[in-house]
Amino acid sequence: MLTVKLEVAIKLWRDSPAHAYELLAAASAHTPDLVTDYTDHLARLVTAALAEAVPDTAQQAADVLLTFTRGLEDDLRDVEAARRDLRTGVQMITRGALSRPASATA
């Protein structure tokens, strides 16, 4: 799911670099409700995907994964590095979520 999100951002940056940020960021978008709805639905999908493995931390892990992915979207000068970093980051974050006891706090 996060790969698809990143690929959408890559396509937007390639097709319309002058407007990509507007289309990706709810704060500056012409249709902020659509961007917010998209982000909310994606958050629910990622949370649901994690819920069986880490029910107590699925929402938190999903939020971190989405924030991480949005960060990668901010600098797509090296698309292959962004793709590689997404794979690595998802592995790191999910491993941390999976190895964390449910009662642990930060």
N, C-alpha and C. Protein backbone atom coordinates (compact mmCIF):
# COMPACT_ATOMS: atom_id res chain seq x y z
N MET A 1 0.82 -1.19 0.00
CA MET A 1 0.00 0.00 0.00
C MET A 1 0.87 1.26 0.00
N LEU A 2 1.92 1.21 0.81
CA LEU A 2 2.80 2.38 0.89
C LEU A 2 3.60 2.56 -0.39
N THR A 3 3.94 1.46 -1.05
CA THR A 3 4.63 1.55 -2.33
C THR A 3 3.74 2.24 -3.36
N VAL A 4 2.47 1.88 -3.37
CA VAL A 4 1.53 2.51 -4.29
C VAL A 4 1.44 4.00 -3.99
N LYS A 5 1.36 4.36 -2.72
CA LYS A 5 1.31 5.78 -2.33
C LYS A 5 2.54 6.51 -2.83
N LEU A 6 3.71 5.92 -2.63
CA LEU A 6 4.95 6.55 -3.09
C LEU A 6 4.97 6.66 -4.61
N GLU A 7 4.52 5.63 -5.30
CA GLU A 7 4.51 5.67 -6.77
C GLU A 7 3.56 6.75 -7.30
N VAL A 8 2.45 6.97 -6.61
CA VAL A 8 1.55 8.07 -7.01
C VAL A 8 2.29 9.40 -6.88
N ALA A 9 3.00 9.58 -5.79
CA ALA A 9 3.76 10.82 -5.60
C ALA A 9 4.84 10.96 -6.67
N ILE A 10 5.52 9.89 -6.99
CA ILE A 10 6.56 9.94 -8.03
C ILE A 10 5.95 10.36 -9.36
N LYS A 11 4.81 9.76 -9.70
CA LYS A 11 4.14 10.12 -10.95
C LYS A 11 3.72 11.59 -10.96
N LEU A 12 3.18 12.05 -9.84
CA LEU A 12 2.78 13.46 -9.77
C LEU A 12 3.98 14.38 -9.95
N TRP A 13 5.10 14.06 -9.29
CA TRP A 13 6.30 14.89 -9.41
C TRP A 13 6.83 14.88 -10.83
N ARG A 14 6.78 13.72 -11.49
CA ARG A 14 7.26 13.63 -12.88
C ARG A 14 6.34 14.37 -13.83
N ASP A 15 5.03 14.20 -13.66
CA ASP A 15 4.05 14.79 -14.57
C ASP A 15 3.84 16.28 -14.35
N SER A 16 3.95 16.72 -13.12
CA SER A 16 3.64 18.12 -12.82
C SER A 16 4.46 18.60 -11.62
N PRO A 17 5.77 18.75 -11.79
CA PRO A 17 6.59 19.15 -10.64
C PRO A 17 6.15 20.48 -10.01
N ALA A 18 5.60 21.37 -10.79
CA ALA A 18 5.17 22.66 -10.26
C ALA A 18 3.95 22.54 -9.36
N HIS A 19 3.16 21.50 -9.54
CA HIS A 19 1.91 21.37 -8.79
C HIS A 19 1.85 20.15 -7.88
N ALA A 20 2.87 19.33 -7.89
CA ALA A 20 2.84 18.08 -7.13
C ALA A 20 2.61 18.33 -5.64
N TYR A 21 3.31 19.30 -5.08
CA TYR A 21 3.15 19.55 -3.64
C TYR A 21 1.71 19.93 -3.32
N GLU A 22 1.11 20.76 -4.15
CA GLU A 22 -0.29 21.16 -3.93
C GLU A 22 -1.21 19.95 -3.95
N LEU A 23 -0.93 19.02 -4.84
CA LEU A 23 -1.80 17.86 -4.98
C LEU A 23 -1.60 16.85 -3.86
N LEU A 24 -0.44 16.86 -3.21
CA LEU A 24 -0.14 15.88 -2.18
C LEU A 24 -0.40 16.38 -0.76
N ALA A 25 -0.39 17.66 -0.56
CA ALA A 25 -0.50 18.22 0.79
C ALA A 25 -1.89 18.80 1.02
N ALA A 26 -2.56 18.31 2.03
CA ALA A 26 -3.92 18.80 2.33
C ALA A 26 -3.92 20.28 2.67
N ALA A 27 -2.87 20.75 3.33
CA ALA A 27 -2.83 22.15 3.77
C ALA A 27 -2.82 23.12 2.60
N SER A 28 -2.25 22.73 1.47
CA SER A 28 -2.17 23.65 0.34
C SER A 28 -3.03 23.21 -0.84
N ALA A 29 -3.72 22.11 -0.73
CA ALA A 29 -4.50 21.58 -1.84
C ALA A 29 -5.73 22.43 -2.10
N HIS A 30 -6.16 22.43 -3.35
CA HIS A 30 -7.40 23.12 -3.71
C HIS A 30 -8.61 22.35 -3.20
N THR A 31 -8.43 21.08 -2.97
CA THR A 31 -9.50 20.23 -2.44
C THR A 31 -8.98 19.49 -1.22
N PRO A 32 -8.76 20.21 -0.11
CA PRO A 32 -8.15 19.58 1.07
C PRO A 32 -8.98 18.42 1.62
N ASP A 33 -10.30 18.47 1.46
CA ASP A 33 -11.13 17.38 1.96
C ASP A 33 -10.82 16.07 1.25
N LEU A 34 -10.57 16.13 -0.06
CA LEU A 34 -10.23 14.92 -0.81
C LEU A 34 -8.89 14.35 -0.36
N VAL A 35 -7.91 15.22 -0.15
CA VAL A 35 -6.60 14.75 0.30
C VAL A 35 -6.70 14.17 1.70
N THR A 36 -7.44 14.82 2.57
CA THR A 36 -7.63 14.32 3.94
C THR A 36 -8.37 12.98 3.93
N ASP A 37 -9.42 12.87 3.12
CA ASP A 37 -10.15 11.61 3.01
C ASP A 37 -9.24 10.48 2.51
N TYR A 38 -8.45 10.77 1.50
CA TYR A 38 -7.51 9.79 0.96
C TYR A 38 -6.54 9.33 2.05
N THR A 39 -5.98 10.27 2.78
CA THR A 39 -5.03 9.95 3.84
C THR A 39 -5.70 9.15 4.95
N ASP A 40 -6.90 9.53 5.32
CA ASP A 40 -7.64 8.80 6.37
C ASP A 40 -7.95 7.36 5.95
N HIS A 41 -8.38 7.18 4.71
CA HIS A 41 -8.68 5.84 4.21
C HIS A 41 -7.40 5.00 4.16
N LEU A 42 -6.32 5.59 3.72
CA LEU A 42 -5.06 4.87 3.67
C LEU A 42 -4.60 4.48 5.07
N ALA A 43 -4.77 5.37 6.03
CA ALA A 43 -4.41 5.06 7.42
C ALA A 43 -5.22 3.88 7.94
N ARG A 44 -6.51 3.85 7.62
CA ARG A 44 -7.34 2.72 8.05
C ARG A 44 -6.88 1.42 7.39
N LEU A 45 -6.52 1.46 6.11
CA LEU A 45 -6.05 0.26 5.42
C LEU A 45 -4.75 -0.26 6.04
N VAL A 46 -3.80 0.63 6.29
CA VAL A 46 -2.53 0.22 6.88
C VAL A 46 -2.75 -0.31 8.29
N THR A 47 -3.59 0.36 9.05
CA THR A 47 -3.90 -0.11 10.41
C THR A 47 -4.53 -1.50 10.37
N ALA A 48 -5.46 -1.70 9.47
CA ALA A 48 -6.11 -3.01 9.35
C ALA A 48 -5.10 -4.09 8.96
N ALA A 49 -4.16 -3.74 8.10
CA ALA A 49 -3.14 -4.71 7.68
C ALA A 49 -2.25 -5.12 8.85
N LEU A 50 -2.04 -4.22 9.78
CA LEU A 50 -1.18 -4.49 10.93
C LEU A 50 -1.93 -5.04 12.14
N ALA A 51 -3.24 -4.90 12.14
CA ALA A 51 -4.05 -5.18 13.34
C ALA A 51 -3.93 -6.60 13.86
N GLU A 52 -3.85 -7.56 12.97
CA GLU A 52 -3.77 -8.94 13.45
C GLU A 52 -2.42 -9.21 14.12
N ALA A 53 -1.36 -8.67 13.56
CA ALA A 53 -0.02 -8.93 14.10
C ALA A 53 0.25 -8.12 15.36
N VAL A 54 -0.18 -6.87 15.38
CA VAL A 54 0.10 -5.99 16.53
C VAL A 54 -1.15 -5.19 16.88
N PRO A 55 -2.15 -5.84 17.43
CA PRO A 55 -3.43 -5.15 17.67
C PRO A 55 -3.31 -3.93 18.58
N ASP A 56 -2.43 -3.97 19.56
CA ASP A 56 -2.32 -2.85 20.50
C ASP A 56 -1.56 -1.65 19.94
N THR A 57 -0.74 -1.88 18.92
CA THR A 57 0.09 -0.79 18.38
C THR A 57 -0.13 -0.56 16.89
N ALA A 58 -1.15 -1.19 16.31
CA ALA A 58 -1.38 -1.08 14.87
C ALA A 58 -1.58 0.37 14.43
N GLN A 59 -2.39 1.11 15.15
CA GLN A 59 -2.65 2.51 14.78
C GLN A 59 -1.37 3.34 14.85
N GLN A 60 -0.62 3.17 15.92
CA GLN A 60 0.62 3.92 16.08
C GLN A 60 1.63 3.55 14.98
N ALA A 61 1.78 2.26 14.70
CA ALA A 61 2.70 1.83 13.65
C ALA A 61 2.25 2.37 12.29
N ALA A 62 0.96 2.35 12.02
CA ALA A 62 0.44 2.89 10.76
C ALA A 62 0.73 4.38 10.65
N ASP A 63 0.52 5.11 11.72
CA ASP A 63 0.81 6.55 11.70
C ASP A 63 2.28 6.82 11.41
N VAL A 64 3.16 6.06 12.03
CA VAL A 64 4.60 6.23 11.81
C VAL A 64 4.95 5.88 10.36
N LEU A 65 4.40 4.79 9.85
CA LEU A 65 4.68 4.39 8.47
C LEU A 65 4.21 5.44 7.48
N LEU A 66 3.03 5.99 7.70
CA LEU A 66 2.51 7.01 6.78
C LEU A 66 3.32 8.30 6.87
N THR A 67 3.71 8.68 8.07
CA THR A 67 4.54 9.87 8.23
C THR A 67 5.88 9.68 7.53
N PHE A 68 6.47 8.51 7.71
CA PHE A 68 7.73 8.19 7.05
C PHE A 68 7.58 8.27 5.53
N THR A 69 6.52 7.69 5.00
CA THR A 69 6.30 7.70 3.55
C THR A 69 6.11 9.12 3.04
N ARG A 70 5.34 9.93 3.76
CA ARG A 70 5.17 11.33 3.35
C ARG A 70 6.50 12.06 3.34
N GLY A 71 7.37 11.74 4.28
CA GLY A 71 8.69 12.36 4.30
C GLY A 71 9.49 12.01 3.06
N LEU A 72 9.41 10.78 2.62
CA LEU A 72 10.11 10.38 1.40
C LEU A 72 9.57 11.12 0.18
N GLU A 73 8.29 11.41 0.19
CA GLU A 73 7.66 12.11 -0.94
C GLU A 73 8.15 13.55 -1.08
N ASP A 74 8.70 14.11 -0.02
CA ASP A 74 9.16 15.50 -0.06
C ASP A 74 10.42 15.70 -0.90
N ASP A 75 11.20 14.63 -1.12
CA ASP A 75 12.43 14.77 -1.90
C ASP A 75 12.56 13.57 -2.82
N LEU A 76 12.08 13.71 -4.03
CA LEU A 76 12.09 12.61 -4.99
C LEU A 76 13.09 12.84 -6.12
N ARG A 77 14.17 13.55 -5.81
CA ARG A 77 15.22 13.75 -6.82
C ARG A 77 15.86 12.43 -7.21
N ASP A 78 15.97 11.50 -6.26
CA ASP A 78 16.51 10.18 -6.53
C ASP A 78 15.41 9.16 -6.22
N VAL A 79 14.65 8.83 -7.25
CA VAL A 79 13.48 7.97 -7.10
C VAL A 79 13.88 6.58 -6.60
N GLU A 80 14.95 6.04 -7.12
CA GLU A 80 15.37 4.70 -6.69
C GLU A 80 15.77 4.71 -5.22
N ALA A 81 16.40 5.76 -4.76
CA ALA A 81 16.75 5.85 -3.34
C ALA A 81 15.49 5.92 -2.48
N ALA A 82 14.48 6.66 -2.95
CA ALA A 82 13.21 6.74 -2.20
C ALA A 82 12.55 5.37 -2.12
N ARG A 83 12.55 4.64 -3.23
CA ARG A 83 11.96 3.29 -3.22
C ARG A 83 12.73 2.37 -2.27
N ARG A 84 14.04 2.43 -2.34
CA ARG A 84 14.88 1.60 -1.46
C ARG A 84 14.67 1.98 0.00
N ASP A 85 14.64 3.28 0.27
CA ASP A 85 14.45 3.74 1.64
C ASP A 85 13.07 3.34 2.18
N LEU A 86 12.07 3.34 1.31
CA LEU A 86 10.73 2.90 1.75
C LEU A 86 10.78 1.45 2.18
N ARG A 87 11.36 0.59 1.36
CA ARG A 87 11.45 -0.84 1.73
C ARG A 87 12.19 -1.02 3.05
N THR A 88 13.33 -0.34 3.18
CA THR A 88 14.14 -0.47 4.39
C THR A 88 13.39 0.08 5.60
N GLY A 89 12.80 1.25 5.46
CA GLY A 89 12.08 1.88 6.56
C GLY A 89 10.89 1.06 7.02
N VAL A 90 10.13 0.51 6.07
CA VAL A 90 8.98 -0.31 6.43
C VAL A 90 9.45 -1.54 7.21
N GLN A 91 10.53 -2.16 6.77
CA GLN A 91 11.06 -3.31 7.49
C GLN A 91 11.48 -2.93 8.91
N MET A 92 12.17 -1.82 9.04
CA MET A 92 12.62 -1.38 10.36
C MET A 92 11.45 -1.07 11.28
N ILE A 93 10.49 -0.33 10.78
CA ILE A 93 9.36 0.10 11.61
C ILE A 93 8.49 -1.10 11.98
N THR A 94 8.20 -1.97 11.01
CA THR A 94 7.35 -3.11 11.34
C THR A 94 8.06 -4.10 12.24
N ARG A 95 9.35 -4.30 12.06
CA ARG A 95 10.08 -5.17 12.98
C ARG A 95 10.02 -4.63 14.39
N GLY A 96 10.17 -3.33 14.51
CA GLY A 96 10.07 -2.71 15.84
C GLY A 96 8.69 -2.88 16.44
N ALA A 97 7.66 -2.71 15.62
CA ALA A 97 6.29 -2.87 16.11
C ALA A 97 6.02 -4.31 16.50
N LEU A 98 6.55 -5.24 15.72
CA LEU A 98 6.29 -6.66 15.98
C LEU A 98 7.05 -7.17 17.18
N SER A 99 8.21 -6.57 17.47
CA SER A 99 9.01 -7.07 18.59
C SER A 99 8.68 -6.36 19.90
N ARG A 100 7.87 -5.34 19.83
CA ARG A 100 7.54 -4.54 21.02
C ARG A 100 6.43 -5.20 21.82
N PRO A 101 6.65 -5.43 23.10
CA PRO A 101 5.57 -5.97 23.92
C PRO A 101 4.38 -5.01 23.95
N ALA A 102 3.19 -5.55 23.99
CA ALA A 102 1.98 -4.73 23.95
C ALA A 102 1.92 -3.71 25.07
N SER A 103 2.49 -4.00 26.23
CA SER A 103 2.40 -3.10 27.36
C SER A 103 3.55 -2.09 27.42
N ALA A 104 4.49 -2.17 26.48
CA ALA A 104 5.65 -1.26 26.50
C ALA A 104 5.22 0.15 26.13
N THR A 105 5.86 1.12 26.74
CA THR A 105 5.59 2.51 26.43
C THR A 105 6.90 3.20 26.13
N ALA A 106 6.82 4.25 25.35
CA ALA A 106 8.03 4.99 24.97
C ALA A 106 8.36 6.06 25.96
